[in-house]
Full PDB file with SEQRES, HELIX, SHEET, SSBOND, CRYST1, ORIGX, SCALE, CONECT and MASTER records, all heavy atoms in Angstrom:
SEQRES   1 A   33  LEU GLU ALA TYR GLY ARG GLN HIS LYS THR PRO LEU VAL          
SEQRES   2 A   33  ALA ILE HIS SER ALA GLY PHE TYR SER TYR PHE ARG LEU          
SEQRES   3 A   33  HIS LEU PRO GLY ALA PHE PRO                                  
HELIX    1 AA1 GLU A    2  HIS A    8  1                                   7    
SHEET    1 AA1 2 LEU A  12  ALA A  18  0                                        
SHEET    2 AA1 2 TYR A  21  HIS A  27 -1                                        
CRYST1    1.000    1.000    1.000  90.00  90.00  90.00 P 1           1          
ORIGX1      1.000000  0.000000  0.000000        0.00000                         
ORIGX2      0.000000  1.000000  0.000000        0.00000                         
ORIGX3      0.000000  0.000000  1.000000        0.00000                         
SCALE1      1.000000  0.000000  0.000000        0.00000                         
SCALE2      0.000000  1.000000  0.000000        0.00000                         
SCALE3      0.000000  0.000000  1.000000        0.00000                         
ATOM      1  N   LEU A   1      -2.566  -0.100 -10.360  1.00  0.00           N  
ATOM      2  CA  LEU A   1      -1.795  -0.866  -9.289  1.00  0.00           C  
ATOM      3  C   LEU A   1      -2.724  -1.521  -8.356  1.00  0.00           C  
ATOM      4  O   LEU A   1      -2.605  -2.619  -7.929  1.00  0.00           O  
ATOM      5  CB  LEU A   1      -0.970   0.266  -8.488  1.00  0.00           C  
ATOM      6  CG  LEU A   1       0.188   0.880  -9.180  1.00  0.00           C  
ATOM      7  CD1 LEU A   1       0.924   1.855  -8.332  1.00  0.00           C  
ATOM      8  CD2 LEU A   1       1.209  -0.119  -9.847  1.00  0.00           C  
ATOM      9  N   GLU A   2      -3.889  -0.916  -7.982  1.00  0.00           N  
ATOM     10  CA  GLU A   2      -4.766  -1.472  -7.126  1.00  0.00           C  
ATOM     11  C   GLU A   2      -5.525  -2.851  -7.795  1.00  0.00           C  
ATOM     12  O   GLU A   2      -5.658  -3.746  -7.097  1.00  0.00           O  
ATOM     13  CB  GLU A   2      -5.838  -0.536  -6.699  1.00  0.00           C  
ATOM     14  CG  GLU A   2      -5.379   0.588  -5.756  1.00  0.00           C  
ATOM     15  CD  GLU A   2      -6.507   1.579  -5.336  1.00  0.00           C  
ATOM     16  OE1 GLU A   2      -7.486   1.758  -6.118  1.00  0.00           O  
ATOM     17  OE2 GLU A   2      -6.295   2.275  -4.370  1.00  0.00           O  
ATOM     18  N   ALA A   3      -5.766  -2.598  -9.033  1.00  0.00           N  
ATOM     19  CA  ALA A   3      -6.282  -3.830  -9.707  1.00  0.00           C  
ATOM     20  C   ALA A   3      -5.284  -4.979  -9.801  1.00  0.00           C  
ATOM     21  O   ALA A   3      -5.611  -6.108  -9.572  1.00  0.00           O  
ATOM     22  CB  ALA A   3      -6.751  -3.501 -11.206  1.00  0.00           C  
ATOM     23  N   TYR A   4      -4.030  -4.551  -9.962  1.00  0.00           N  
ATOM     24  CA  TYR A   4      -2.957  -5.637 -10.029  1.00  0.00           C  
ATOM     25  C   TYR A   4      -2.840  -6.252  -8.572  1.00  0.00           C  
ATOM     26  O   TYR A   4      -2.653  -7.522  -8.540  1.00  0.00           O  
ATOM     27  CB  TYR A   4      -1.661  -4.962 -10.400  1.00  0.00           C  
ATOM     28  CG  TYR A   4      -0.442  -5.887 -10.571  1.00  0.00           C  
ATOM     29  CD1 TYR A   4      -0.133  -6.464 -11.789  1.00  0.00           C  
ATOM     30  CD2 TYR A   4       0.298  -6.270  -9.313  1.00  0.00           C  
ATOM     31  CE1 TYR A   4       0.913  -7.368 -11.781  1.00  0.00           C  
ATOM     32  CE2 TYR A   4       1.404  -7.070  -9.454  1.00  0.00           C  
ATOM     33  CZ  TYR A   4       1.648  -7.601 -10.662  1.00  0.00           C  
ATOM     34  OH  TYR A   4       2.946  -8.459 -10.819  1.00  0.00           O  
ATOM     35  N   GLY A   5      -2.888  -5.464  -7.655  1.00  0.00           N  
ATOM     36  CA  GLY A   5      -2.775  -6.007  -6.291  1.00  0.00           C  
ATOM     37  C   GLY A   5      -3.951  -6.973  -5.917  1.00  0.00           C  
ATOM     38  O   GLY A   5      -3.714  -7.999  -5.159  1.00  0.00           O  
ATOM     39  N   ARG A   6      -5.092  -6.568  -6.271  1.00  0.00           N  
ATOM     40  CA  ARG A   6      -6.334  -7.499  -6.065  1.00  0.00           C  
ATOM     41  C   ARG A   6      -6.159  -8.736  -6.876  1.00  0.00           C  
ATOM     42  O   ARG A   6      -6.462  -9.863  -6.367  1.00  0.00           O  
ATOM     43  CB  ARG A   6      -7.594  -6.831  -6.452  1.00  0.00           C  
ATOM     44  CG  ARG A   6      -7.929  -5.663  -5.448  1.00  0.00           C  
ATOM     45  CD  ARG A   6      -9.334  -5.312  -5.687  1.00  0.00           C  
ATOM     46  NE  ARG A   6      -9.522  -4.674  -7.027  1.00  0.00           N  
ATOM     47  CZ  ARG A   6      -9.396  -3.296  -7.309  1.00  0.00           C  
ATOM     48  NH1 ARG A   6      -9.143  -2.542  -6.256  1.00  0.00           N  
ATOM     49  NH2 ARG A   6      -9.538  -2.836  -8.546  1.00  0.00           N  
ATOM     50  N   GLN A   7      -5.716  -8.693  -8.061  1.00  0.00           N  
ATOM     51  CA  GLN A   7      -5.619  -9.957  -8.909  1.00  0.00           C  
ATOM     52  C   GLN A   7      -4.458 -10.887  -8.485  1.00  0.00           C  
ATOM     53  O   GLN A   7      -4.786 -12.254  -8.462  1.00  0.00           O  
ATOM     54  CB  GLN A   7      -5.287  -9.475 -10.373  1.00  0.00           C  
ATOM     55  CG  GLN A   7      -5.176 -10.697 -11.343  1.00  0.00           C  
ATOM     56  CD  GLN A   7      -4.742 -10.289 -12.708  1.00  0.00           C  
ATOM     57  OE1 GLN A   7      -4.811  -9.117 -12.951  1.00  0.00           O  
ATOM     58  NE2 GLN A   7      -4.495 -11.141 -13.663  1.00  0.00           N  
ATOM     59  N   HIS A   8      -3.250 -10.293  -8.012  1.00  0.00           N  
ATOM     60  CA  HIS A   8      -2.191 -11.122  -7.714  1.00  0.00           C  
ATOM     61  C   HIS A   8      -1.993 -11.265  -6.243  1.00  0.00           C  
ATOM     62  O   HIS A   8      -1.007 -11.891  -5.670  1.00  0.00           O  
ATOM     63  CB  HIS A   8      -0.938 -10.586  -8.375  1.00  0.00           C  
ATOM     64  CG  HIS A   8      -1.045 -10.622  -9.817  1.00  0.00           C  
ATOM     65  ND1 HIS A   8      -0.615 -11.695 -10.591  1.00  0.00           N  
ATOM     66  CD2 HIS A   8      -1.265  -9.530 -10.695  1.00  0.00           C  
ATOM     67  CE1 HIS A   8      -0.713 -11.348 -11.897  1.00  0.00           C  
ATOM     68  NE2 HIS A   8      -1.180 -10.074 -12.028  1.00  0.00           N  
ATOM     69  N   LYS A   9      -2.913 -10.660  -5.428  1.00  0.00           N  
ATOM     70  CA  LYS A   9      -2.714 -10.756  -3.984  1.00  0.00           C  
ATOM     71  C   LYS A   9      -1.486 -10.169  -3.545  1.00  0.00           C  
ATOM     72  O   LYS A   9      -0.762 -10.558  -2.624  1.00  0.00           O  
ATOM     73  CB  LYS A   9      -2.928 -12.151  -3.340  1.00  0.00           C  
ATOM     74  CG  LYS A   9      -4.223 -12.844  -3.772  1.00  0.00           C  
ATOM     75  CD  LYS A   9      -5.440 -12.055  -3.308  1.00  0.00           C  
ATOM     76  CE  LYS A   9      -6.706 -12.828  -3.652  1.00  0.00           C  
ATOM     77  NZ  LYS A   9      -7.856 -12.025  -3.100  1.00  0.00           N  
ATOM     78  N   THR A  10      -1.127  -8.950  -4.227  1.00  0.00           N  
ATOM     79  CA  THR A  10       0.139  -8.312  -3.929  1.00  0.00           C  
ATOM     80  C   THR A  10       0.042  -7.163  -2.991  1.00  0.00           C  
ATOM     81  O   THR A  10      -0.900  -6.242  -3.154  1.00  0.00           O  
ATOM     82  CB  THR A  10       0.726  -7.839  -5.300  1.00  0.00           C  
ATOM     83  OG1 THR A  10       0.847  -8.882  -6.152  1.00  0.00           O  
ATOM     84  CG2 THR A  10       2.116  -7.092  -5.001  1.00  0.00           C  
ATOM     85  N   PRO A  11       0.846  -7.105  -1.964  1.00  0.00           N  
ATOM     86  CA  PRO A  11       0.630  -5.898  -0.892  1.00  0.00           C  
ATOM     87  C   PRO A  11       1.193  -4.568  -1.713  1.00  0.00           C  
ATOM     88  O   PRO A  11       2.137  -4.624  -2.447  1.00  0.00           O  
ATOM     89  CB  PRO A  11       1.477  -6.307   0.168  1.00  0.00           C  
ATOM     90  CG  PRO A  11       1.739  -7.812   0.087  1.00  0.00           C  
ATOM     91  CD  PRO A  11       1.611  -8.113  -1.323  1.00  0.00           C  
ATOM     92  N   LEU A  12       0.477  -3.567  -1.336  1.00  0.00           N  
ATOM     93  CA  LEU A  12       0.891  -2.215  -1.877  1.00  0.00           C  
ATOM     94  C   LEU A  12       1.261  -1.348  -0.740  1.00  0.00           C  
ATOM     95  O   LEU A  12       0.724  -1.420   0.372  1.00  0.00           O  
ATOM     96  CB  LEU A  12      -0.263  -1.622  -2.709  1.00  0.00           C  
ATOM     97  CG  LEU A  12      -1.001  -2.406  -3.799  1.00  0.00           C  
ATOM     98  CD1 LEU A  12      -2.182  -1.542  -4.447  1.00  0.00           C  
ATOM     99  CD2 LEU A  12      -0.052  -2.843  -4.823  1.00  0.00           C  
ATOM    100  N   VAL A  13       2.240  -0.527  -1.029  1.00  0.00           N  
ATOM    101  CA  VAL A  13       2.684   0.390  -0.015  1.00  0.00           C  
ATOM    102  C   VAL A  13       2.759   1.864  -0.631  1.00  0.00           C  
ATOM    103  O   VAL A  13       3.494   2.066  -1.608  1.00  0.00           O  
ATOM    104  CB  VAL A  13       4.123   0.195   0.568  1.00  0.00           C  
ATOM    105  CG1 VAL A  13       4.453   1.113   1.718  1.00  0.00           C  
ATOM    106  CG2 VAL A  13       4.260  -1.358   1.036  1.00  0.00           C  
ATOM    107  N   ALA A  14       1.899   2.793   0.047  1.00  0.00           N  
ATOM    108  CA  ALA A  14       1.896   4.191  -0.474  1.00  0.00           C  
ATOM    109  C   ALA A  14       2.731   5.031   0.454  1.00  0.00           C  
ATOM    110  O   ALA A  14       2.752   4.875   1.614  1.00  0.00           O  
ATOM    111  CB  ALA A  14       0.468   4.725  -0.500  1.00  0.00           C  
ATOM    112  N   ILE A  15       3.556   5.864  -0.189  1.00  0.00           N  
ATOM    113  CA  ILE A  15       4.583   6.666   0.486  1.00  0.00           C  
ATOM    114  C   ILE A  15       4.440   8.127   0.038  1.00  0.00           C  
ATOM    115  O   ILE A  15       4.379   8.426  -1.096  1.00  0.00           O  
ATOM    116  CB  ILE A  15       6.011   6.194   0.374  1.00  0.00           C  
ATOM    117  CG1 ILE A  15       6.036   4.667   0.355  1.00  0.00           C  
ATOM    118  CG2 ILE A  15       6.813   6.781   1.387  1.00  0.00           C  
ATOM    119  CD1 ILE A  15       7.464   4.149  -0.035  1.00  0.00           C  
ATOM    120  N   HIS A  16       4.306   9.038   1.071  1.00  0.00           N  
ATOM    121  CA  HIS A  16       4.100  10.430   0.731  1.00  0.00           C  
ATOM    122  C   HIS A  16       5.101  11.253   1.623  1.00  0.00           C  
ATOM    123  O   HIS A  16       4.864  11.107   2.898  1.00  0.00           O  
ATOM    124  CB  HIS A  16       2.679  10.943   0.869  1.00  0.00           C  
ATOM    125  CG  HIS A  16       2.495  12.201   0.106  1.00  0.00           C  
ATOM    126  ND1 HIS A  16       1.128  12.575  -0.270  1.00  0.00           N  
ATOM    127  CD2 HIS A  16       3.284  13.062  -0.443  1.00  0.00           C  
ATOM    128  CE1 HIS A  16       1.112  13.708  -0.783  1.00  0.00           C  
ATOM    129  NE2 HIS A  16       2.518  14.096  -0.994  1.00  0.00           N  
ATOM    130  N   SER A  17       6.062  11.954   1.047  1.00  0.00           N  
ATOM    131  CA  SER A  17       6.864  12.885   1.792  1.00  0.00           C  
ATOM    132  C   SER A  17       6.817  14.279   1.344  1.00  0.00           C  
ATOM    133  O   SER A  17       7.155  14.387   0.074  1.00  0.00           O  
ATOM    134  CB  SER A  17       8.228  12.105   1.835  1.00  0.00           C  
ATOM    135  OG  SER A  17       9.177  13.015   2.650  1.00  0.00           O  
ATOM    136  N   ALA A  18       6.709  15.234   2.148  1.00  0.00           N  
ATOM    137  CA  ALA A  18       6.751  16.691   1.633  1.00  0.00           C  
ATOM    138  C   ALA A  18       7.163  17.515   2.854  1.00  0.00           C  
ATOM    139  O   ALA A  18       6.529  17.505   3.873  1.00  0.00           O  
ATOM    140  CB  ALA A  18       5.315  17.177   1.154  1.00  0.00           C  
ATOM    141  N   GLY A  19       8.256  18.312   2.764  1.00  0.00           N  
ATOM    142  CA  GLY A  19       8.686  19.150   3.771  1.00  0.00           C  
ATOM    143  C   GLY A  19       9.117  18.232   4.959  1.00  0.00           C  
ATOM    144  O   GLY A  19       9.779  17.287   4.918  1.00  0.00           O  
ATOM    145  N   PHE A  20       8.530  18.772   6.092  1.00  0.00           N  
ATOM    146  CA  PHE A  20       8.898  18.123   7.374  1.00  0.00           C  
ATOM    147  C   PHE A  20       7.949  16.917   7.669  1.00  0.00           C  
ATOM    148  O   PHE A  20       7.972  16.258   8.688  1.00  0.00           O  
ATOM    149  CB  PHE A  20       8.833  19.047   8.541  1.00  0.00           C  
ATOM    150  CG  PHE A  20      10.071  19.948   8.588  1.00  0.00           C  
ATOM    151  CD1 PHE A  20       9.979  21.320   8.117  1.00  0.00           C  
ATOM    152  CD2 PHE A  20      11.194  19.512   9.179  1.00  0.00           C  
ATOM    153  CE1 PHE A  20      11.154  21.990   8.242  1.00  0.00           C  
ATOM    154  CE2 PHE A  20      12.420  20.282   9.263  1.00  0.00           C  
ATOM    155  CZ  PHE A  20      12.332  21.602   8.805  1.00  0.00           C  
ATOM    156  N   TYR A  21       6.937  16.706   6.822  1.00  0.00           N  
ATOM    157  CA  TYR A  21       5.859  15.652   7.029  1.00  0.00           C  
ATOM    158  C   TYR A  21       6.005  14.520   6.161  1.00  0.00           C  
ATOM    159  O   TYR A  21       6.515  14.623   5.017  1.00  0.00           O  
ATOM    160  CB  TYR A  21       4.481  16.290   6.884  1.00  0.00           C  
ATOM    161  CG  TYR A  21       4.143  17.509   7.822  1.00  0.00           C  
ATOM    162  CD1 TYR A  21       3.356  18.407   7.391  1.00  0.00           C  
ATOM    163  CD2 TYR A  21       4.692  17.458   9.063  1.00  0.00           C  
ATOM    164  CE1 TYR A  21       2.971  19.488   8.295  1.00  0.00           C  
ATOM    165  CE2 TYR A  21       4.391  18.490   9.984  1.00  0.00           C  
ATOM    166  CZ  TYR A  21       3.575  19.412   9.614  1.00  0.00           C  
ATOM    167  OH  TYR A  21       3.229  20.503  10.423  1.00  0.00           O  
ATOM    168  N   SER A  22       5.608  13.324   6.490  1.00  0.00           N  
ATOM    169  CA  SER A  22       5.441  12.223   5.668  1.00  0.00           C  
ATOM    170  C   SER A  22       4.491  11.114   6.222  1.00  0.00           C  
ATOM    171  O   SER A  22       4.085  11.348   7.507  1.00  0.00           O  
ATOM    172  CB  SER A  22       6.749  11.518   5.514  1.00  0.00           C  
ATOM    173  OG  SER A  22       7.287  10.985   6.730  1.00  0.00           O  
ATOM    174  N   TYR A  23       4.018  10.294   5.401  1.00  0.00           N  
ATOM    175  CA  TYR A  23       3.219   9.201   6.000  1.00  0.00           C  
ATOM    176  C   TYR A  23       3.449   7.966   5.030  1.00  0.00           C  
ATOM    177  O   TYR A  23       3.768   8.171   3.722  1.00  0.00           O  
ATOM    178  CB  TYR A  23       1.735   9.455   6.051  1.00  0.00           C  
ATOM    179  CG  TYR A  23       0.906   9.446   4.753  1.00  0.00           C  
ATOM    180  CD1 TYR A  23       0.330   8.279   4.376  1.00  0.00           C  
ATOM    181  CD2 TYR A  23       0.702  10.598   4.073  1.00  0.00           C  
ATOM    182  CE1 TYR A  23      -0.439   8.346   3.174  1.00  0.00           C  
ATOM    183  CE2 TYR A  23      -0.033  10.656   2.942  1.00  0.00           C  
ATOM    184  CZ  TYR A  23      -0.656   9.509   2.464  1.00  0.00           C  
ATOM    185  OH  TYR A  23      -1.337   9.464   1.255  1.00  0.00           O  
ATOM    186  N   PHE A  24       3.146   6.863   5.440  1.00  0.00           N  
ATOM    187  CA  PHE A  24       3.043   5.655   4.528  1.00  0.00           C  
ATOM    188  C   PHE A  24       1.893   4.859   4.936  1.00  0.00           C  
ATOM    189  O   PHE A  24       1.505   4.772   6.107  1.00  0.00           O  
ATOM    190  CB  PHE A  24       4.380   4.744   4.617  1.00  0.00           C  
ATOM    191  CG  PHE A  24       4.750   4.256   5.846  1.00  0.00           C  
ATOM    192  CD1 PHE A  24       4.254   2.819   6.134  1.00  0.00           C  
ATOM    193  CD2 PHE A  24       5.552   4.833   6.680  1.00  0.00           C  
ATOM    194  CE1 PHE A  24       4.570   2.363   7.454  1.00  0.00           C  
ATOM    195  CE2 PHE A  24       5.818   4.301   8.019  1.00  0.00           C  
ATOM    196  CZ  PHE A  24       5.353   3.060   8.286  1.00  0.00           C  
ATOM    197  N   ARG A  25       1.427   4.131   3.965  1.00  0.00           N  
ATOM    198  CA  ARG A  25       0.151   3.303   4.279  1.00  0.00           C  
ATOM    199  C   ARG A  25       0.245   1.903   3.509  1.00  0.00           C  
ATOM    200  O   ARG A  25       0.702   1.745   2.432  1.00  0.00           O  
ATOM    201  CB  ARG A  25      -1.051   4.016   3.656  1.00  0.00           C  
ATOM    202  CG  ARG A  25      -2.410   3.291   4.058  1.00  0.00           C  
ATOM    203  CD  ARG A  25      -3.595   4.189   3.941  1.00  0.00           C  
ATOM    204  NE  ARG A  25      -4.779   3.557   4.531  1.00  0.00           N  
ATOM    205  CZ  ARG A  25      -5.674   3.082   3.827  1.00  0.00           C  
ATOM    206  NH1 ARG A  25      -5.575   3.041   2.502  1.00  0.00           N  
ATOM    207  NH2 ARG A  25      -6.688   2.455   4.396  1.00  0.00           N  
ATOM    208  N   LEU A  26      -0.079   0.851   4.306  1.00  0.00           N  
ATOM    209  CA  LEU A  26       0.138  -0.519   3.813  1.00  0.00           C  
ATOM    210  C   LEU A  26      -1.314  -0.847   3.388  1.00  0.00           C  
ATOM    211  O   LEU A  26      -2.226  -0.758   4.172  1.00  0.00           O  
ATOM    212  CB  LEU A  26       0.594  -1.424   4.940  1.00  0.00           C  
ATOM    213  CG  LEU A  26       1.840  -1.017   5.609  1.00  0.00           C  
ATOM    214  CD1 LEU A  26       2.296  -2.071   6.681  1.00  0.00           C  
ATOM    215  CD2 LEU A  26       3.072  -0.809   4.655  1.00  0.00           C  
ATOM    216  N   HIS A  27      -1.466  -1.523   2.178  1.00  0.00           N  
ATOM    217  CA  HIS A  27      -2.713  -2.135   1.579  1.00  0.00           C  
ATOM    218  C   HIS A  27      -2.282  -3.509   1.461  1.00  0.00           C  
ATOM    219  O   HIS A  27      -1.733  -3.972   0.493  1.00  0.00           O  
ATOM    220  CB  HIS A  27      -2.979  -1.446   0.271  1.00  0.00           C  
ATOM    221  CG  HIS A  27      -2.926   0.090   0.367  1.00  0.00           C  
ATOM    222  ND1 HIS A  27      -3.980   0.796   0.796  1.00  0.00           N  
ATOM    223  CD2 HIS A  27      -2.046   0.939  -0.126  1.00  0.00           C  
ATOM    224  CE1 HIS A  27      -3.663   2.096   0.758  1.00  0.00           C  
ATOM    225  NE2 HIS A  27      -2.505   2.159   0.144  1.00  0.00           N  
ATOM    226  N   LEU A  28      -2.847  -4.439   2.351  1.00  0.00           N  
ATOM    227  CA  LEU A  28      -2.615  -5.773   2.397  1.00  0.00           C  
ATOM    228  C   LEU A  28      -3.740  -6.528   1.710  1.00  0.00           C  
ATOM    229  O   LEU A  28      -4.908  -6.061   1.750  1.00  0.00           O  
ATOM    230  CB  LEU A  28      -2.352  -6.262   3.825  1.00  0.00           C  
ATOM    231  CG  LEU A  28      -1.253  -5.677   4.611  1.00  0.00           C  
ATOM    232  CD1 LEU A  28      -1.163  -6.167   5.968  1.00  0.00           C  
ATOM    233  CD2 LEU A  28       0.000  -5.999   3.833  1.00  0.00           C  
ATOM    234  N   PRO A  29      -3.421  -7.592   1.055  1.00  0.00           N  
ATOM    235  CA  PRO A  29      -4.460  -8.356   0.248  1.00  0.00           C  
ATOM    236  C   PRO A  29      -5.397  -9.098   1.205  1.00  0.00           C  
ATOM    237  O   PRO A  29      -5.232 -10.213   1.472  1.00  0.00           O  
ATOM    238  CB  PRO A  29      -3.671  -9.268  -0.511  1.00  0.00           C  
ATOM    239  CG  PRO A  29      -2.395  -9.541   0.093  1.00  0.00           C  
ATOM    240  CD  PRO A  29      -2.102  -8.221   0.873  1.00  0.00           C  
ATOM    241  N   GLY A  30      -6.392  -8.427   1.816  1.00  0.00           N  
ATOM    242  CA  GLY A  30      -7.314  -9.053   2.761  1.00  0.00           C  
ATOM    243  C   GLY A  30      -6.553  -9.357   4.123  1.00  0.00           C  
ATOM    244  O   GLY A  30      -5.654  -8.701   4.449  1.00  0.00           O  
ATOM    245  N   ALA A  31      -7.149 -10.448   4.701  1.00  0.00           N  
ATOM    246  CA  ALA A  31      -6.641 -10.686   6.106  1.00  0.00           C  
ATOM    247  C   ALA A  31      -5.105 -11.242   5.954  1.00  0.00           C  
ATOM    248  O   ALA A  31      -4.843 -12.097   5.056  1.00  0.00           O  
ATOM    249  CB  ALA A  31      -7.479 -11.823   6.753  1.00  0.00           C  
ATOM    250  N   PHE A  32      -4.346 -10.789   6.758  1.00  0.00           N  
ATOM    251  CA  PHE A  32      -2.934 -11.045   6.681  1.00  0.00           C  
ATOM    252  C   PHE A  32      -2.398 -11.600   8.034  1.00  0.00           C  
ATOM    253  O   PHE A  32      -2.073 -10.769   8.937  1.00  0.00           O  
ATOM    254  CB  PHE A  32      -2.074  -9.682   6.284  1.00  0.00           C  
ATOM    255  CG  PHE A  32      -0.663 -10.151   5.844  1.00  0.00           C  
ATOM    256  CD1 PHE A  32      -0.345 -10.492   4.524  1.00  0.00           C  
ATOM    257  CD2 PHE A  32       0.419  -9.957   6.685  1.00  0.00           C  
ATOM    258  CE1 PHE A  32       0.949 -10.791   4.144  1.00  0.00           C  
ATOM    259  CE2 PHE A  32       1.725 -10.242   6.187  1.00  0.00           C  
ATOM    260  CZ  PHE A  32       1.930 -10.662   5.016  1.00  0.00           C  
ATOM    261  N   PRO A  33      -2.249 -12.850   8.180  1.00  0.00           N  
ATOM    262  CA  PRO A  33      -1.864 -13.424   9.425  1.00  0.00           C  
ATOM    263  C   PRO A  33      -0.513 -13.516   9.656  1.00  0.00           C  
ATOM    264  O   PRO A  33       0.399 -13.731   8.796  1.00  0.00           O  
ATOM    265  CB  PRO A  33      -2.447 -14.854   9.325  1.00  0.00           C  
ATOM    266  CG  PRO A  33      -2.446 -15.123   7.921  1.00  0.00           C  
ATOM    267  CD  PRO A  33      -2.605 -13.901   7.235  1.00  0.00           C  
TER     268      PRO A  33                                                      
MASTER        0    0    0    1    2    0    0    6  267    1    0    3          
END                                                                             
């Protein structure tokens, strides 16, 4: 997925939820204005 994102300049979003906790993280293709 990371290789695909770099090649196509595609943003990736990681999501993790377990019990009462969660987080998400945005991986943008370089500078994103």
